[in-house]
Amino acid sequence: MPRRKKIYLDFINGEAEHVHCLISMACDQNIAQIIKLLKGESSHFANTQGLFDAYFDWADDYYAASVSQSQVETVRNYIKNQEEHHRKKSFVEECEGFMTNYGFIRLLG
């Protein structure tokens, strides 16, 4: 992402059905703007470069949380170890546990 977008992508990793990003953003931006830029530009790149057999598009939903400076290294390690992490707990199990533990209401399904 070019500097003119004022987004610093600190760390990124994921699995087939999801991706984790540790991002710093400018004080005049919001999460929705950042997600729109990341999804839009990455799907445009993937499709123009022919990276997938079929048209690539992101899901509509996403989750974002702020991270205190004292936890940045912990979050980097969590993102780095996604493959190992999901051998123990599936993405669906993790999401459901997260929603239960933090009081999110499931709107779909």
Protein backbone atom coordinates (compact mmCIF):
# COMPACT_ATOMS: atom_id res chain seq x y z
CA MET A 1 0.00 0.00 0.00
CA PRO A 2 1.58 3.32 -1.02
CA ARG A 3 2.50 5.85 1.66
CA ARG A 4 -0.04 8.28 0.25
CA LYS A 5 -2.76 6.03 1.70
CA LYS A 6 -1.31 6.59 5.20
CA ILE A 7 -1.54 2.90 6.12
CA TYR A 8 1.32 0.94 7.63
CA LEU A 9 0.86 -2.81 7.32
CA ASP A 10 3.01 -4.09 10.20
CA PHE A 11 2.30 -7.84 9.91
CA ILE A 12 0.04 -10.06 7.80
CA ASN A 13 -0.68 -13.79 7.65
CA GLY A 14 -3.68 -16.04 7.32
CA GLU A 15 -5.28 -19.24 6.22
CA ALA A 16 -7.46 -20.16 3.23
CA GLU A 17 -10.64 -18.55 4.62
CA HIS A 18 -9.31 -15.57 6.55
CA VAL A 19 -6.43 -13.18 6.99
CA HIS A 20 -5.03 -11.30 9.99
CA CYS A 21 -3.37 -7.91 9.59
CA LEU A 22 -1.68 -5.70 12.15
CA ILE A 23 -2.12 -2.18 10.84
CA SER A 24 -1.24 1.34 11.93
CA MET A 25 -3.33 4.10 10.45
CA ALA A 26 -3.45 7.88 10.45
CA CYS A 27 -5.55 9.67 13.05
CA ASP A 28 -7.91 11.04 10.36
CA GLN A 29 -8.85 7.55 9.09
CA ASN A 30 -11.34 5.00 10.35
CA ILE A 31 -11.52 1.21 10.20
CA ALA A 32 -14.15 1.16 7.44
CA GLN A 33 -11.90 3.29 5.18
CA ILE A 34 -8.91 1.07 5.83
CA ILE A 35 -10.83 -2.15 5.15
CA LYS A 36 -12.32 -0.70 1.96
CA LEU A 37 -8.83 0.21 0.70
CA LEU A 38 -7.27 -3.13 1.65
CA LYS A 39 -10.07 -5.25 0.21
CA GLY A 40 -10.47 -3.15 -2.92
CA GLU A 41 -6.84 -2.81 -3.87
CA SER A 42 -5.89 -6.39 -2.97
CA SER A 43 -8.79 -7.95 -4.90
CA HIS A 44 -8.04 -5.67 -7.89
CA PHE A 45 -4.39 -6.77 -7.81
CA ALA A 46 -5.27 -10.46 -7.44
CA ASN A 47 -7.73 -10.34 -10.34
CA THR A 48 -5.59 -8.29 -12.73
CA GLN A 49 -2.58 -10.53 -12.02
CA GLY A 50 -4.63 -13.72 -12.46
CA LEU A 51 -3.58 -15.09 -9.08
CA PHE A 52 -6.67 -17.31 -8.80
CA ASP A 53 -8.56 -19.55 -11.22
CA ALA A 54 -11.83 -17.76 -10.45
CA TYR A 55 -12.71 -14.13 -9.75
CA PHE A 56 -11.52 -13.15 -6.27
CA ASP A 57 -13.71 -11.10 -3.96
CA TRP A 58 -13.67 -10.56 -0.22
CA ALA A 59 -16.55 -11.36 2.11
CA ASP A 60 -18.59 -8.36 3.24
CA ASP A 61 -17.86 -8.79 6.94
CA TYR A 62 -14.71 -8.23 8.95
CA TYR A 63 -13.58 -7.87 12.54
CA ALA A 64 -11.25 -5.18 13.85
CA ALA A 65 -9.87 -4.41 17.30
CA SER A 66 -7.40 -1.92 18.68
CA VAL A 67 -4.19 -3.18 20.23
CA SER A 68 -2.20 -1.45 22.94
CA GLN A 69 1.47 -0.84 22.23
CA SER A 70 2.39 -3.27 25.03
CA GLN A 71 0.61 -6.11 23.14
CA VAL A 72 1.97 -5.50 19.63
CA GLU A 73 4.60 -8.26 19.84
CA THR A 74 2.02 -10.72 21.22
CA VAL A 75 -0.29 -9.93 18.29
CA ARG A 76 2.56 -10.30 15.79
CA ASN A 77 3.31 -13.76 17.21
CA TYR A 78 -0.39 -14.73 17.09
CA ILE A 79 -0.59 -13.68 13.44
CA LYS A 80 2.71 -15.38 12.61
CA ASN A 81 1.57 -18.73 14.04
CA GLN A 82 -1.81 -19.04 12.30
CA GLU A 83 -1.11 -22.40 10.70
CA GLU A 84 -0.11 -23.97 14.02
CA HIS A 85 -2.95 -22.22 15.87
CA HIS A 86 -5.61 -23.58 13.49
CA ARG A 87 -4.36 -27.14 13.82
CA LYS A 88 -5.71 -26.94 17.37
CA LYS A 89 -8.84 -24.87 16.76
CA SER A 90 -10.69 -24.29 13.49
CA PHE A 91 -11.52 -20.82 12.26
CA VAL A 92 -15.24 -21.44 12.92
CA GLU A 93 -14.53 -22.68 16.47
CA GLU A 94 -12.37 -19.64 17.13
CA CYS A 95 -15.03 -17.22 15.84
CA GLU A 96 -17.81 -18.87 17.83
CA GLY A 97 -15.71 -18.85 20.99
CA PHE A 98 -14.80 -15.23 20.45
CA MET A 99 -18.43 -14.22 19.97
CA THR A 100 -19.46 -16.13 23.08
CA ASN A 101 -16.61 -14.86 25.26
CA TYR A 102 -17.03 -11.22 24.30
CA GLY A 103 -20.82 -11.01 24.04
CA PHE A 104 -21.21 -10.60 20.29
CA ILE A 105 -24.63 -11.37 18.87
CA ARG A 106 -24.64 -13.64 15.87
CA LEU A 107 -26.80 -11.99 13.23
CA LEU A 108 -26.56 -14.61 10.50
CA GLY A 109 -26.93 -18.36 10.54
